[in-house]
PDB file of N, CA and C in Angstrom:
ATOM      1  N   MET A   1      20.131 -53.496 -10.598  1.00  0.00           N
ATOM      2  CA  MET A   1      19.605 -54.717 -10.015  1.00  0.00           C
ATOM      3  C   MET A   1      18.074 -54.639 -10.095  1.00  0.00           C
ATOM      4  N   ASP A   2      17.476 -55.647 -10.667  1.00  0.00           N
ATOM      5  CA  ASP A   2      16.016 -55.654 -10.778  1.00  0.00           C
ATOM      6  C   ASP A   2      15.391 -56.344  -9.566  1.00  0.00           C
ATOM      7  N   LEU A   3      14.074 -56.272  -9.468  1.00  0.00           N
ATOM      8  CA  LEU A   3      13.375 -56.823  -8.310  1.00  0.00           C
ATOM      9  C   LEU A   3      13.481 -58.342  -8.216  1.00  0.00           C
ATOM     10  N   LYS A   4      13.550 -59.015  -9.340  1.00  0.00           N
ATOM     11  CA  LYS A   4      13.646 -60.470  -9.321  1.00  0.00           C
ATOM     12  C   LYS A   4      14.975 -60.920  -8.691  1.00  0.00           C
ATOM     13  N   THR A   5      16.043 -60.247  -9.054  1.00  0.00           N
ATOM     14  CA  THR A   5      17.344 -60.572  -8.485  1.00  0.00           C
ATOM     15  C   THR A   5      17.382 -60.235  -6.994  1.00  0.00           C
ATOM     16  N   LEU A   6      16.836 -59.080  -6.631  1.00  0.00           N
ATOM     17  CA  LEU A   6      16.790 -58.688  -5.229  1.00  0.00           C
ATOM     18  C   LEU A   6      15.947 -59.662  -4.414  1.00  0.00           C
ATOM     19  N   ASP A   7      14.842 -60.110  -4.965  1.00  0.00           N
ATOM     20  CA  ASP A   7      13.981 -61.082  -4.278  1.00  0.00           C
ATOM     21  C   ASP A   7      14.698 -62.416  -4.090  1.00  0.00           C
ATOM     22  N   PHE A   8      15.592 -62.756  -4.989  1.00  0.00           N
ATOM     23  CA  PHE A   8      16.345 -64.002  -4.846  1.00  0.00           C
ATOM     24  C   PHE A   8      17.476 -63.866  -3.825  1.00  0.00           C
ATOM     25  N   ILE A   9      18.147 -62.712  -3.792  1.00  0.00           N
ATOM     26  CA  ILE A   9      19.323 -62.535  -2.932  1.00  0.00           C
ATOM     27  C   ILE A   9      18.957 -62.219  -1.485  1.00  0.00           C
ATOM     28  N   PHE A  10      17.885 -61.458  -1.241  1.00  0.00           N
ATOM     29  CA  PHE A  10      17.543 -60.982   0.101  1.00  0.00           C
ATOM     30  C   PHE A  10      17.414 -62.098   1.141  1.00  0.00           C
ATOM     31  N   PRO A  11      16.760 -63.232   0.852  1.00  0.00           N
ATOM     32  CA  PRO A  11      16.666 -64.271   1.883  1.00  0.00           C
ATOM     33  C   PRO A  11      18.023 -64.838   2.297  1.00  0.00           C
ATOM     34  N   PHE A  12      18.950 -64.912   1.368  1.00  0.00           N
ATOM     35  CA  PHE A  12      20.288 -65.409   1.702  1.00  0.00           C
ATOM     36  C   PHE A  12      21.021 -64.422   2.603  1.00  0.00           C
ATOM     37  N   VAL A  13      20.861 -63.124   2.345  1.00  0.00           N
ATOM     38  CA  VAL A  13      21.476 -62.101   3.190  1.00  0.00           C
ATOM     39  C   VAL A  13      20.873 -62.158   4.588  1.00  0.00           C
ATOM     40  N   SER A  14      19.567 -62.300   4.663  1.00  0.00           N
ATOM     41  CA  SER A  14      18.885 -62.387   5.957  1.00  0.00           C
ATOM     42  C   SER A  14      19.352 -63.619   6.728  1.00  0.00           C
ATOM     43  N   PHE A  15      19.429 -64.753   6.077  1.00  0.00           N
ATOM     44  CA  PHE A  15      19.891 -65.987   6.713  1.00  0.00           C
ATOM     45  C   PHE A  15      21.341 -65.852   7.175  1.00  0.00           C
ATOM     46  N   PHE A  16      22.182 -65.220   6.355  1.00  0.00           N
ATOM     47  CA  PHE A  16      23.581 -65.030   6.718  1.00  0.00           C
ATOM     48  C   PHE A  16      23.713 -64.133   7.943  1.00  0.00           C
ATOM     49  N   TYR A  17      22.920 -63.054   8.008  1.00  0.00           N
ATOM     50  CA  TYR A  17      22.951 -62.161   9.171  1.00  0.00           C
ATOM     51  C   TYR A  17      22.575 -62.920  10.441  1.00  0.00           C
ATOM     52  N   GLY A  18      21.478 -63.661  10.390  1.00  0.00           N
ATOM     53  CA  GLY A  18      21.047 -64.428  11.553  1.00  0.00           C
ATOM     54  C   GLY A  18      22.081 -65.456  11.974  1.00  0.00           C
ATOM     55  N   SER A  19      22.633 -66.151  11.012  1.00  0.00           N
ATOM     56  CA  SER A  19      23.649 -67.170  11.309  1.00  0.00           C
ATOM     57  C   SER A  19      24.892 -66.549  11.933  1.00  0.00           C
ATOM     58  N   LEU A  20      25.335 -65.429  11.401  1.00  0.00           N
ATOM     59  CA  LEU A  20      26.549 -64.786  11.897  1.00  0.00           C
ATOM     60  C   LEU A  20      26.370 -64.282  13.328  1.00  0.00           C
ATOM     61  N   VAL A  21      25.266 -63.605  13.607  1.00  0.00           N
ATOM     62  CA  VAL A  21      25.043 -63.078  14.960  1.00  0.00           C
ATOM     63  C   VAL A  21      24.914 -64.220  15.958  1.00  0.00           C
ATOM     64  N   LEU A  22      24.161 -65.254  15.619  1.00  0.00           N
ATOM     65  CA  LEU A  22      23.989 -66.379  16.541  1.00  0.00           C
ATOM     66  C   LEU A  22      25.300 -67.133  16.749  1.00  0.00           C
ATOM     67  N   PHE A  23      26.092 -67.263  15.702  1.00  0.00           N
ATOM     68  CA  PHE A  23      27.386 -67.932  15.825  1.00  0.00           C
ATOM     69  C   PHE A  23      28.308 -67.166  16.763  1.00  0.00           C
ATOM     70  N   VAL A  24      28.356 -65.849  16.602  1.00  0.00           N
ATOM     71  CA  VAL A  24      29.228 -65.036  17.452  1.00  0.00           C
ATOM     72  C   VAL A  24      28.757 -65.075  18.902  1.00  0.00           C
ATOM     73  N   LEU A  25      27.451 -65.073  19.121  1.00  0.00           N
ATOM     74  CA  LEU A  25      26.948 -65.115  20.495  1.00  0.00           C
ATOM     75  C   LEU A  25      27.190 -66.453  21.173  1.00  0.00           C
ATOM     76  N   GLU A  26      27.335 -67.510  20.406  1.00  0.00           N
ATOM     77  CA  GLU A  26      27.512 -68.842  20.992  1.00  0.00           C
ATOM     78  C   GLU A  26      28.957 -69.318  21.019  1.00  0.00           C
ATOM     79  N   ILE A  27      29.901 -68.481  20.631  1.00  0.00           N
ATOM     80  CA  ILE A  27      31.319 -68.852  20.695  1.00  0.00           C
ATOM     81  C   ILE A  27      31.710 -69.008  22.166  1.00  0.00           C
ATOM     82  N   PRO A  28      32.216 -70.181  22.562  1.00  0.00           N
ATOM     83  CA  PRO A  28      32.567 -70.396  23.971  1.00  0.00           C
ATOM     84  C   PRO A  28      33.619 -69.418  24.494  1.00  0.00           C
ATOM     85  N   LEU A  29      34.573 -69.037  23.660  1.00  0.00           N
ATOM     86  CA  LEU A  29      35.617 -68.117  24.097  1.00  0.00           C
ATOM     87  C   LEU A  29      35.029 -66.769  24.490  1.00  0.00           C
ATOM     88  N   LEU A  30      34.113 -66.243  23.687  1.00  0.00           N
ATOM     89  CA  LEU A  30      33.504 -64.953  24.013  1.00  0.00           C
ATOM     90  C   LEU A  30      32.636 -65.053  25.263  1.00  0.00           C
ATOM     91  N   LYS A  31      31.940 -66.159  25.419  1.00  0.00           N
ATOM     92  CA  LYS A  31      31.147 -66.357  26.636  1.00  0.00           C
ATOM     93  C   LYS A  31      32.057 -66.407  27.861  1.00  0.00           C
ATOM     94  N   LYS A  32      33.179 -67.114  27.741  1.00  0.00           N
ATOM     95  CA  LYS A  32      34.091 -67.263  28.871  1.00  0.00           C
ATOM     96  C   LYS A  32      34.718 -65.927  29.252  1.00  0.00           C
ATOM     97  N   ILE A  33      35.089 -65.131  28.271  1.00  0.00           N
ATOM     98  CA  ILE A  33      35.713 -63.836  28.549  1.00  0.00           C
ATOM     99  C   ILE A  33      34.732 -62.900  29.253  1.00  0.00           C
ATOM    100  N   THR A  34      33.478 -62.896  28.809  1.00  0.00           N
ATOM    101  CA  THR A  34      32.522 -61.945  29.372  1.00  0.00           C
ATOM    102  C   THR A  34      31.923 -62.417  30.690  1.00  0.00           C
ATOM    103  N   HIS A  35      31.950 -63.718  30.982  1.00  0.00           N
ATOM    104  CA  HIS A  35      31.350 -64.213  32.215  1.00  0.00           C
ATOM    105  C   HIS A  35      32.365 -64.468  33.321  1.00  0.00           C
ATOM    106  N   ASN A  36      33.614 -64.701  32.972  1.00  0.00           N
ATOM    107  CA  ASN A  36      34.627 -64.993  33.996  1.00  0.00           C
ATOM    108  C   ASN A  36      35.318 -63.717  34.458  1.00  0.00           C
ATOM    109  N   GLY A  37      36.403 -63.856  35.125  1.00  0.00           N
ATOM    110  CA  GLY A  37      37.105 -62.747  35.734  1.00  0.00           C
ATOM    111  C   GLY A  37      37.733 -61.763  34.770  1.00  0.00           C
ATOM    112  N   GLU A  38      37.996 -62.163  33.537  1.00  0.00           N
ATOM    113  CA  GLU A  38      38.639 -61.263  32.582  1.00  0.00           C
ATOM    114  C   GLU A  38      37.615 -60.242  32.102  1.00  0.00           C
ATOM    115  N   LYS A  39      37.595 -59.090  32.708  1.00  0.00           N
ATOM    116  CA  LYS A  39      36.591 -58.081  32.396  1.00  0.00           C
ATOM    117  C   LYS A  39      37.097 -57.144  31.301  1.00  0.00           C
ATOM    118  N   SER A  40      37.054 -57.601  30.086  1.00  0.00           N
ATOM    119  CA  SER A  40      37.426 -56.759  28.961  1.00  0.00           C
ATOM    120  C   SER A  40      36.209 -55.913  28.591  1.00  0.00           C
ATOM    121  N   LEU A  41      36.347 -54.626  28.702  1.00  0.00           N
ATOM    122  CA  LEU A  41      35.226 -53.721  28.445  1.00  0.00           C
ATOM    123  C   LEU A  41      34.737 -53.837  27.007  1.00  0.00           C
ATOM    124  N   LEU A  42      35.653 -54.027  26.069  1.00  0.00           N
ATOM    125  CA  LEU A  42      35.269 -54.157  24.675  1.00  0.00           C
ATOM    126  C   LEU A  42      34.442 -55.416  24.450  1.00  0.00           C
ATOM    127  N   ALA A  43      34.863 -56.523  25.007  1.00  0.00           N
ATOM    128  CA  ALA A  43      34.132 -57.781  24.832  1.00  0.00           C
ATOM    129  C   ALA A  43      32.757 -57.717  25.487  1.00  0.00           C
ATOM    130  N   ILE A  44      32.677 -57.093  26.655  1.00  0.00           N
ATOM    131  CA  ILE A  44      31.395 -56.997  27.352  1.00  0.00           C
ATOM    132  C   ILE A  44      30.434 -56.108  26.576  1.00  0.00           C
ATOM    133  N   SER A  45      30.914 -54.954  26.089  1.00  0.00           N
ATOM    134  CA  SER A  45      30.010 -54.058  25.360  1.00  0.00           C
ATOM    135  C   SER A  45      29.599 -54.672  24.022  1.00  0.00           C
ATOM    136  N   LEU A  46      30.515 -55.386  23.361  1.00  0.00           N
ATOM    137  CA  LEU A  46      30.165 -56.059  22.106  1.00  0.00           C
ATOM    138  C   LEU A  46      29.098 -57.119  22.351  1.00  0.00           C
ATOM    139  N   ARG A  47      29.267 -57.887  23.395  1.00  0.00           N
ATOM    140  CA  ARG A  47      28.284 -58.925  23.706  1.00  0.00           C
ATOM    141  C   ARG A  47      26.928 -58.320  24.062  1.00  0.00           C
ATOM    142  N   GLU A  48      26.927 -57.232  24.822  1.00  0.00           N
ATOM    143  CA  GLU A  48      25.671 -56.580  25.177  1.00  0.00           C
ATOM    144  C   GLU A  48      24.961 -56.041  23.950  1.00  0.00           C
ATOM    145  N   GLN A  49      25.705 -55.483  23.001  1.00  0.00           N
ATOM    146  CA  GLN A  49      25.106 -54.989  21.763  1.00  0.00           C
ATOM    147  C   GLN A  49      24.516 -56.131  20.951  1.00  0.00           C
ATOM    148  N   LEU A  50      25.230 -57.235  20.884  1.00  0.00           N
ATOM    149  CA  LEU A  50      24.734 -58.366  20.107  1.00  0.00           C
ATOM    150  C   LEU A  50      23.544 -59.043  20.775  1.00  0.00           C
ATOM    151  N   LEU A  51      23.501 -59.048  22.093  1.00  0.00           N
ATOM    152  CA  LEU A  51      22.362 -59.646  22.791  1.00  0.00           C
ATOM    153  C   LEU A  51      21.066 -58.895  22.493  1.00  0.00           C
ATOM    154  N   VAL A  52      21.156 -57.603  22.226  1.00  0.00           N
ATOM    155  CA  VAL A  52      19.977 -56.833  21.846  1.00  0.00           C
ATOM    156  C   VAL A  52      19.448 -57.323  20.493  1.00  0.00           C
ATOM    157  N   HIS A  53      20.344 -57.753  19.627  1.00  0.00           N
ATOM    158  CA  HIS A  53      19.969 -58.197  18.285  1.00  0.00           C
ATOM    159  C   HIS A  53      19.602 -59.679  18.208  1.00  0.00           C
ATOM    160  N   LYS A  54      19.711 -60.391  19.311  1.00  0.00           N
ATOM    161  CA  LYS A  54      19.499 -61.838  19.291  1.00  0.00           C
ATOM    162  C   LYS A  54      18.090 -62.246  18.842  1.00  0.00           C
ATOM    163  N   PRO A  55      17.003 -61.607  19.319  1.00  0.00           N
ATOM    164  CA  PRO A  55      15.672 -62.008  18.826  1.00  0.00           C
ATOM    165  C   PRO A  55      15.519 -61.805  17.316  1.00  0.00           C
ATOM    166  N   LEU A  56      16.044 -60.683  16.816  1.00  0.00           N
ATOM    167  CA  LEU A  56      15.993 -60.435  15.378  1.00  0.00           C
ATOM    168  C   LEU A  56      16.840 -61.460  14.622  1.00  0.00           C
ATOM    169  N   ALA A  57      17.961 -61.849  15.199  1.00  0.00           N
ATOM    170  CA  ALA A  57      18.821 -62.844  14.555  1.00  0.00           C
ATOM    171  C   ALA A  57      18.113 -64.190  14.443  1.00  0.00           C
ATOM    172  N   TRP A  58      17.363 -64.596  15.479  1.00  0.00           N
ATOM    173  CA  TRP A  58      16.617 -65.858  15.407  1.00  0.00           C
ATOM    174  C   TRP A  58      15.542 -65.793  14.321  1.00  0.00           C
ATOM    175  N   ILE A  59      14.863 -64.660  14.235  1.00  0.00           N
ATOM    176  CA  ILE A  59      13.834 -64.502  13.200  1.00  0.00           C
ATOM    177  C   ILE A  59      14.471 -64.561  11.818  1.00  0.00           C
ATOM    178  N   CYS A  60      15.560 -63.832  11.627  1.00  0.00           N
ATOM    179  CA  CYS A  60      16.249 -63.838  10.329  1.00  0.00           C
ATOM    180  C   CYS A  60      16.790 -65.217   9.994  1.00  0.00           C
ATOM    181  N   PHE A  61      17.269 -65.927  10.993  1.00  0.00           N
ATOM    182  CA  PHE A  61      17.813 -67.266  10.774  1.00  0.00           C
ATOM    183  C   PHE A  61      16.740 -68.213  10.240  1.00  0.00           C
ATOM    184  N   PHE A  62      15.579 -68.257  10.902  1.00  0.00           N
ATOM    185  CA  PHE A  62      14.535 -69.188  10.483  1.00  0.00           C
ATOM    186  C   PHE A  62      13.795 -68.723   9.234  1.00  0.00           C
ATOM    187  N   VAL A  63      13.374 -67.478   9.205  1.00  0.00           N
ATOM    188  CA  VAL A  63      12.630 -66.985   8.042  1.00  0.00           C
ATOM    189  C   VAL A  63      13.522 -66.947   6.806  1.00  0.00           C
ATOM    190  N   GLY A  64      14.739 -66.438   6.965  1.00  0.00           N
ATOM    191  CA  GLY A  64      15.671 -66.413   5.838  1.00  0.00           C
ATOM    192  C   GLY A  64      16.039 -67.805   5.364  1.00  0.00           C
ATOM    193  N   GLY A  65      16.190 -68.741   6.295  1.00  0.00           N
ATOM    194  CA  GLY A  65      16.511 -70.123   5.911  1.00  0.00           C
ATOM    195  C   GLY A  65      15.382 -70.789   5.145  1.00  0.00           C
ATOM    196  N   LEU A  66      14.165 -70.624   5.642  1.00  0.00           N
ATOM    197  CA  LEU A  66      13.017 -71.221   4.943  1.00  0.00           C
ATOM    198  C   LEU A  66      12.774 -70.557   3.597  1.00  0.00           C
ATOM    199  N   TRP A  67      12.915 -69.243   3.559  1.00  0.00           N
ATOM    200  CA  TRP A  67      12.712 -68.509   2.316  1.00  0.00           C
ATOM    201  C   TRP A  67      13.792 -68.870   1.297  1.00  0.00           C
ATOM    202  N   SER A  68      15.032 -69.028   1.745  1.00  0.00           N
ATOM    203  CA  SER A  68      16.121 -69.445   0.852  1.00  0.00           C
ATOM    204  C   SER A  68      15.883 -70.843   0.315  1.00  0.00           C
ATOM    205  N   LEU A  69      15.408 -71.719   1.188  1.00  0.00           N
ATOM    206  CA  LEU A  69      15.110 -73.078   0.759  1.00  0.00           C
ATOM    207  C   LEU A  69      13.988 -73.079  -0.278  1.00  0.00           C
ATOM    208  N   GLN A  70      12.992 -72.249  -0.067  1.00  0.00           N
ATOM    209  CA  GLN A  70      11.904 -72.144  -1.045  1.00  0.00           C
ATOM    210  C   GLN A  70      12.438 -71.651  -2.389  1.00  0.00           C
ATOM    211  N   ASN A  71      13.320 -70.627  -2.358  1.00  0.00           N
ATOM    212  CA  ASN A  71      13.887 -70.107  -3.605  1.00  0.00           C
ATOM    213  C   ASN A  71      14.712 -71.161  -4.327  1.00  0.00           C
ATOM    214  N   LEU A  72      15.414 -71.994  -3.579  1.00  0.00           N
ATOM    215  CA  LEU A  72      16.241 -73.018  -4.215  1.00  0.00           C
ATOM    216  C   LEU A  72      15.412 -74.155  -4.794  1.00  0.00           C
ATOM    217  N   LEU A  73      14.284 -74.459  -4.139  1.00  0.00           N
ATOM    218  CA  LEU A  73      13.457 -75.559  -4.620  1.00  0.00           C
ATOM    219  C   LEU A  73      12.570 -75.170  -5.802  1.00  0.00           C
ATOM    220  N   ILE A  74      12.227 -73.900  -5.890  1.00  0.00           N
ATOM    221  CA  ILE A  74      11.336 -73.469  -6.984  1.00  0.00           C
ATOM    222  C   ILE A  74      12.098 -73.055  -8.179  1.00  0.00           C
TER     223      ILE A  74
END
C-alpha cells in the first residue's frame, strides 16, 4: 500500500470509527439498560469504556467527515 492510497483511505476509517462509537453511545436500548434498574455489569462497563472515547469519537467524526468530503471533491 503506497502513501497516496493510505492518504485516501485514512479519513474514511477515521469517520467510520467516530460514527460507530457515537452511534453505539446513542442507542436508546443501551442507555435504558445502563440507566434503569437492569444493572448488567457488562453493559455498564462497556458504556463506561465507550464514554472515555466519546471526545475522540466527536473529533474523528467531524475531522474524518470533512477530510473525506475533501478527498471526494478533489
